[in-house]
Amino acid sequence: MSADVPEVPVDMTVRTFVDERLLRSDYSCYPVTNNGAVIGVVGAEEVRKVSSEKWEYSSVGEIAHAIDGAYKINATDDAW
């Protein structure tokens, strides 16, 4: 597990996300941020749900899987 996964801005287009992140790195899921706050995650699973014709006009914020409090942990939390 990596602590330095690159963030994706909420307004990045799906096309840019696919071309610059999904196809160029080993990460399968990215945190989506809005003004420094993580608002969700996005990966190939979310991209598959959007027709490729809409990638230029859809943002990752629109397709991101929202994060609720159940998935948040602190860096000091015990993993086991």
C-alpha atoms as a PDB file:
ATOM      1  CA  MET A   1       0.000   0.000   0.000  1.00  0.00           C
ATOM      2  CA  SER A   2       1.281   3.428  -0.890  1.00  0.00           C
ATOM      3  CA  ALA A   3       0.755   6.622   1.074  1.00  0.00           C
ATOM      4  CA  ASP A   4       1.601   8.921  -1.833  1.00  0.00           C
ATOM      5  CA  VAL A   5      -1.073   8.121  -4.413  1.00  0.00           C
ATOM      6  CA  PRO A   6      -1.542  11.070  -6.782  1.00  0.00           C
ATOM      7  CA  GLU A   7      -4.763  12.973  -6.263  1.00  0.00           C
ATOM      8  CA  VAL A   8      -7.225  13.740  -9.035  1.00  0.00           C
ATOM      9  CA  PRO A   9      -8.988  17.124  -9.041  1.00  0.00           C
ATOM     10  CA  VAL A  10     -12.772  16.962  -9.058  1.00  0.00           C
ATOM     11  CA  ASP A  11     -12.989  18.928 -12.333  1.00  0.00           C
ATOM     12  CA  MET A  12     -10.567  16.751 -14.365  1.00  0.00           C
ATOM     13  CA  THR A  13     -12.310  15.266 -17.391  1.00  0.00           C
ATOM     14  CA  VAL A  14     -12.713  11.526 -17.599  1.00  0.00           C
ATOM     15  CA  ARG A  15     -10.730  11.602 -20.882  1.00  0.00           C
ATOM     16  CA  THR A  16      -7.768  13.308 -19.185  1.00  0.00           C
ATOM     17  CA  PHE A  17      -8.000  10.942 -16.218  1.00  0.00           C
ATOM     18  CA  VAL A  18      -7.887   7.879 -18.476  1.00  0.00           C
ATOM     19  CA  ASP A  19      -5.086   9.207 -20.690  1.00  0.00           C
ATOM     20  CA  GLU A  20      -2.870  10.723 -17.998  1.00  0.00           C
ATOM     21  CA  ARG A  21      -3.515   8.526 -14.976  1.00  0.00           C
ATOM     22  CA  LEU A  22      -5.122   5.142 -15.658  1.00  0.00           C
ATOM     23  CA  LEU A  23      -3.055   4.301 -18.729  1.00  0.00           C
ATOM     24  CA  ARG A  24       0.242   5.685 -17.397  1.00  0.00           C
ATOM     25  CA  SER A  25       0.522   4.312 -13.880  1.00  0.00           C
ATOM     26  CA  ASP A  26       0.160   1.182 -11.802  1.00  0.00           C
ATOM     27  CA  TYR A  27      -2.555   2.605  -9.558  1.00  0.00           C
ATOM     28  CA  SER A  28      -6.071   1.292 -10.050  1.00  0.00           C
ATOM     29  CA  CYS A  29      -7.904   3.809  -7.874  1.00  0.00           C
ATOM     30  CA  TYR A  30      -7.331   7.501  -7.144  1.00  0.00           C
ATOM     31  CA  PRO A  31      -8.610   9.893  -4.496  1.00  0.00           C
ATOM     32  CA  VAL A  32     -10.738  12.686  -5.970  1.00  0.00           C
ATOM     33  CA  THR A  33     -10.208  16.040  -4.265  1.00  0.00           C
ATOM     34  CA  ASN A  34     -12.094  19.303  -4.111  1.00  0.00           C
ATOM     35  CA  ASN A  35     -10.219  22.224  -2.517  1.00  0.00           C
ATOM     36  CA  GLY A  36      -7.850  19.797  -0.785  1.00  0.00           C
ATOM     37  CA  ALA A  37     -10.572  17.566   0.685  1.00  0.00           C
ATOM     38  CA  VAL A  38     -11.022  13.998  -0.522  1.00  0.00           C
ATOM     39  CA  ILE A  39     -14.607  13.640  -1.719  1.00  0.00           C
ATOM     40  CA  GLY A  40     -14.435  10.235  -3.368  1.00  0.00           C
ATOM     41  CA  VAL A  41     -12.412   7.723  -5.323  1.00  0.00           C
ATOM     42  CA  VAL A  42     -12.311   6.927  -9.019  1.00  0.00           C
ATOM     43  CA  GLY A  43     -10.878   4.075 -11.031  1.00  0.00           C
ATOM     44  CA  ALA A  44     -11.523   1.890 -14.041  1.00  0.00           C
ATOM     45  CA  GLU A  45     -14.757   0.533 -12.566  1.00  0.00           C
ATOM     46  CA  GLU A  46     -16.313   4.004 -12.492  1.00  0.00           C
ATOM     47  CA  VAL A  47     -14.953   4.877 -15.958  1.00  0.00           C
ATOM     48  CA  ARG A  48     -16.531   1.742 -17.477  1.00  0.00           C
ATOM     49  CA  LYS A  49     -19.957   3.045 -16.499  1.00  0.00           C
ATOM     50  CA  VAL A  50     -19.576   6.115 -18.745  1.00  0.00           C
ATOM     51  CA  SER A  51     -19.866   5.927 -22.509  1.00  0.00           C
ATOM     52  CA  SER A  52     -16.530   6.890 -24.100  1.00  0.00           C
ATOM     53  CA  GLU A  53     -18.355   9.529 -26.156  1.00  0.00           C
ATOM     54  CA  LYS A  54     -19.035  11.388 -22.890  1.00  0.00           C
ATOM     55  CA  TRP A  55     -15.468  11.263 -21.520  1.00  0.00           C
ATOM     56  CA  GLU A  56     -14.577  14.706 -22.911  1.00  0.00           C
ATOM     57  CA  TYR A  57     -17.547  16.329 -21.171  1.00  0.00           C
ATOM     58  CA  SER A  58     -17.794  14.374 -17.922  1.00  0.00           C
ATOM     59  CA  SER A  59     -15.685  15.106 -14.870  1.00  0.00           C
ATOM     60  CA  VAL A  60     -14.236  12.569 -12.463  1.00  0.00           C
ATOM     61  CA  GLY A  61     -16.225  14.322  -9.751  1.00  0.00           C
ATOM     62  CA  GLU A  62     -19.432  13.277 -11.513  1.00  0.00           C
ATOM     63  CA  ILE A  63     -18.483   9.598 -11.616  1.00  0.00           C
ATOM     64  CA  ALA A  64     -16.461   9.258  -8.402  1.00  0.00           C
ATOM     65  CA  HIS A  65     -17.532   6.789  -5.755  1.00  0.00           C
ATOM     66  CA  ALA A  66     -18.376   8.938  -2.726  1.00  0.00           C
ATOM     67  CA  ILE A  67     -16.541   8.282   0.509  1.00  0.00           C
ATOM     68  CA  ASP A  68     -18.456   8.230   3.745  1.00  0.00           C
ATOM     69  CA  GLY A  69     -17.080   8.083   7.259  1.00  0.00           C
ATOM     70  CA  ALA A  70     -16.959   4.279   7.269  1.00  0.00           C
ATOM     71  CA  TYR A  71     -13.913   4.255   4.978  1.00  0.00           C
ATOM     72  CA  LYS A  72     -11.794   6.910   6.670  1.00  0.00           C
ATOM     73  CA  ILE A  73      -8.775   6.009   8.764  1.00  0.00           C
ATOM     74  CA  ASN A  74      -5.975   8.004  10.320  1.00  0.00           C
ATOM     75  CA  ALA A  75      -2.310   7.438   9.595  1.00  0.00           C
ATOM     76  CA  THR A  76      -1.872   6.369  13.230  1.00  0.00           C
ATOM     77  CA  ASP A  77      -4.690   3.775  13.197  1.00  0.00           C
ATOM     78  CA  ASP A  78      -3.685   0.160  13.689  1.00  0.00           C
ATOM     79  CA  ALA A  79      -4.212  -1.844  10.494  1.00  0.00           C
ATOM     80  CA  TRP A  80      -4.832  -5.075  12.379  1.00  0.00           C
END
